[in-house]
Protein backbone atom coordinates (compact mmCIF):
# COMPACT_ATOMS: atom_id res chain seq x y z
CA UNK A 1 22.58 -35.08 -63.71
CA UNK A 2 26.15 -35.80 -62.77
CA UNK A 3 28.41 -33.62 -60.65
CA UNK A 4 30.18 -32.02 -63.64
CA UNK A 5 26.89 -30.79 -65.14
CA UNK A 6 25.73 -29.56 -61.75
CA UNK A 7 29.01 -27.65 -61.27
CA UNK A 8 28.76 -26.07 -64.72
CA UNK A 9 25.12 -25.10 -64.13
CA UNK A 10 26.01 -23.55 -60.78
CA UNK A 11 28.86 -21.63 -62.43
CA UNK A 12 26.53 -20.38 -65.20
CA UNK A 13 24.01 -19.19 -62.58
CA UNK A 14 26.75 -17.36 -60.66
CA UNK A 15 27.95 -15.68 -63.86
CA UNK A 16 24.44 -14.61 -64.82
CA UNK A 17 23.85 -13.15 -61.33
CA UNK A 18 27.16 -11.31 -61.52
CA UNK A 19 26.29 -9.98 -64.98
CA UNK A 20 22.88 -8.89 -63.71
CA UNK A 21 24.47 -6.88 -60.87
CA UNK A 22 26.88 -5.21 -63.31
CA UNK A 23 24.06 -4.37 -65.72
CA UNK A 24 21.98 -2.84 -62.93
CA UNK A 25 24.93 -0.67 -61.91
CA UNK A 26 25.47 0.41 -65.53
CA UNK A 27 21.81 1.28 -65.92
CA UNK A 28 21.87 3.31 -62.70
CA UNK A 29 24.96 5.17 -63.89
CA UNK A 30 23.24 5.88 -67.22
CA UNK A 31 20.16 7.28 -65.47
CA UNK A 32 22.30 9.58 -63.27
CA UNK A 33 24.31 10.69 -66.30
CA UNK A 34 21.12 11.64 -68.12
CA UNK A 35 19.78 13.51 -65.09
CA UNK A 36 23.05 15.41 -64.63
CA UNK A 37 23.14 16.26 -68.34
CA UNK A 38 19.61 17.67 -68.21
CA UNK A 39 20.44 19.69 -65.08
CA UNK A 40 23.62 20.95 -66.76
CA UNK A 41 21.75 22.26 -69.81
CA UNK A 42 18.95 23.76 -67.69
CA UNK A 43 21.58 25.66 -65.69
CA UNK A 44 23.38 26.84 -68.85
CA UNK A 45 20.16 28.05 -70.47
CA UNK A 46 18.92 29.57 -67.20
CA UNK A 47 22.15 31.50 -66.65
CA UNK A 48 22.02 32.78 -70.23
CA UNK A 49 18.44 33.98 -69.88
CA UNK A 50 19.17 35.44 -66.45
CA UNK A 51 22.22 37.27 -67.75
CA UNK A 52 20.17 38.73 -70.59
CA UNK A 53 17.48 39.78 -68.11
CA UNK A 54 20.00 41.64 -65.94
CA UNK A 55 22.06 43.09 -68.81
CA UNK A 56 19.08 44.36 -70.83
CA UNK A 57 18.51 47.50 -68.67
CA UNK A 58 22.21 48.36 -68.96
CA UNK A 59 22.05 48.00 -72.74
CA UNK A 60 18.92 50.13 -72.91
CA UNK A 61 20.58 52.90 -70.90
CA UNK A 62 23.64 52.67 -73.15
CA UNK A 63 21.47 52.98 -76.26
CA UNK A 64 19.66 56.00 -74.78
CA UNK A 65 23.01 57.60 -73.97
CA UNK A 66 24.23 56.92 -77.51
CA UNK A 67 21.03 58.42 -78.91
CA UNK A 68 21.44 61.54 -76.80
CA UNK A 69 25.02 62.00 -78.06
CA UNK A 70 24.47 61.34 -81.76
CA UNK A 71 20.80 62.03 -82.25
CA UNK A 72 20.48 58.68 -84.03
CA UNK A 73 18.14 56.14 -82.59
CA UNK A 74 19.55 52.65 -82.28
CA UNK A 75 17.62 49.60 -81.24
CA UNK A 76 18.96 46.25 -80.12
CA UNK A 77 17.28 44.70 -83.17
CA UNK A 78 19.12 47.13 -85.44
CA UNK A 79 22.36 46.27 -83.72
CA UNK A 80 21.69 42.57 -84.20
CA UNK A 81 20.82 43.10 -87.89
CA UNK A 82 24.02 45.11 -88.40
CA UNK A 83 26.00 42.33 -86.79
CA UNK A 84 24.46 39.75 -89.11
CA UNK A 85 25.15 41.83 -92.22
CA UNK A 86 28.85 41.99 -91.42
CA UNK A 87 29.15 38.22 -91.38
């Protein structure tokens, strides 16, 4: 093996090591992006469910107040069905 082949082989090894480092960094970034995306959606869904949990008693008291004023019973399911019919 002459010096030119040795130099080219050494250069190819350096390039492959550099590419390997870059690929490891890209893979690490991809893993963290996936984790942050999962955490993001868990927070969004959790806040939605939590908001419903805390707003539900307020809605129930509003529906009872409405029923006492009008004498008509209204349920959250009826309200949801009425909303869907209008669309």
